[in-house]
Amino acid sequence: MPPLTHAQYEILERAVASGARIAIVRRGAELVVLPERLRMLAGREALDARHPSTGDNLTVFLDELDAVESLGAR
């Protein structure tokens, strides 16, 4: 998978700071999440997020993402 673009990193960083929802695509499946933080985990960049409907926590490695899109504020 190609690495995320500078614009996609900006979307992630702004969404973490503002609490905005984002859509992520991983292995062809789209998921809407509320990003909470970016961190390093086992030497890889990871996004900690929460599902907006169920509240379930999710950790996704950025190198597994195919796309990131901003959906606006909560």
Protein backbone atom coordinates (compact mmCIF):
# COMPACT_ATOMS: atom_id res chain seq x y z
CA MET A 1 0.00 0.00 0.00
CA PRO A 2 1.33 3.45 -0.80
CA PRO A 3 2.16 5.62 2.20
CA LEU A 4 -0.30 8.29 3.27
CA THR A 5 0.13 11.65 1.60
CA HIS A 6 0.98 14.85 3.41
CA ALA A 7 -2.64 15.97 2.99
CA GLN A 8 -3.92 12.74 4.58
CA TYR A 9 -1.60 13.21 7.57
CA GLU A 10 -2.97 16.76 7.92
CA ILE A 11 -6.52 15.36 7.95
CA LEU A 12 -5.55 12.91 10.70
CA GLU A 13 -3.79 15.51 12.83
CA ARG A 14 -6.61 18.05 12.52
CA ALA A 15 -9.25 15.42 13.29
CA VAL A 16 -7.40 14.33 16.44
CA ALA A 17 -7.10 17.95 17.58
CA SER A 18 -10.71 18.91 16.80
CA GLY A 19 -12.56 15.65 17.43
CA ALA A 20 -13.83 15.52 13.85
CA ARG A 21 -15.01 12.27 12.31
CA ILE A 22 -12.97 10.71 9.55
CA ALA A 23 -13.53 7.90 7.09
CA ILE A 24 -10.72 5.41 6.76
CA VAL A 25 -10.38 2.74 4.11
CA ARG A 26 -8.49 -0.41 5.03
CA ARG A 27 -8.41 -3.52 2.83
CA GLY A 28 -11.25 -2.10 0.77
CA ALA A 29 -13.62 -1.56 3.71
CA GLU A 30 -14.63 1.95 4.77
CA LEU A 31 -15.12 2.77 8.43
CA VAL A 32 -16.13 6.05 10.09
CA VAL A 33 -14.24 6.73 13.34
CA LEU A 34 -13.52 9.44 15.89
CA PRO A 35 -9.72 9.65 16.07
CA GLU A 36 -8.30 10.13 19.57
CA ARG A 37 -4.52 10.04 19.15
CA LEU A 38 -1.60 9.15 16.92
CA ARG A 39 1.23 7.17 18.46
CA MET A 40 4.07 4.77 17.81
CA LEU A 41 3.28 1.15 18.63
CA ALA A 42 5.78 -1.64 18.05
CA GLY A 43 7.79 0.67 15.78
CA ARG A 44 4.78 1.55 13.59
CA GLU A 45 2.54 4.61 13.49
CA ALA A 46 -0.89 3.85 14.92
CA LEU A 47 -4.21 5.67 15.16
CA ASP A 48 -6.29 5.13 18.28
CA ALA A 49 -9.93 5.81 17.46
CA ARG A 50 -13.45 5.17 18.69
CA HIS A 51 -16.49 4.00 16.74
CA PRO A 52 -19.03 6.87 16.87
CA SER A 53 -22.09 4.65 17.36
CA THR A 54 -20.88 1.84 19.59
CA GLY A 55 -18.03 3.56 21.41
CA ASP A 56 -15.75 0.58 20.73
CA ASN A 57 -12.02 1.38 20.77
CA LEU A 58 -9.95 0.62 17.70
CA THR A 59 -6.23 0.80 16.92
CA VAL A 60 -5.28 0.94 13.26
CA PHE A 61 -1.76 1.02 11.86
CA LEU A 62 -1.32 3.84 9.37
CA ASP A 63 0.67 1.68 6.96
CA GLU A 64 -2.45 -0.51 6.55
CA LEU A 65 -4.69 2.38 5.45
CA ASP A 66 -5.61 2.85 1.80
CA ALA A 67 -7.29 6.25 2.23
CA VAL A 68 -8.32 8.88 4.79
CA GLU A 69 -11.08 11.44 4.33
CA SER A 70 -12.40 14.17 6.62
CA LEU A 71 -16.12 14.15 7.40
CA GLY A 72 -16.24 17.35 9.45
CA ALA A 73 -16.82 18.15 13.11
CA ARG A 74 -18.93 16.10 15.51
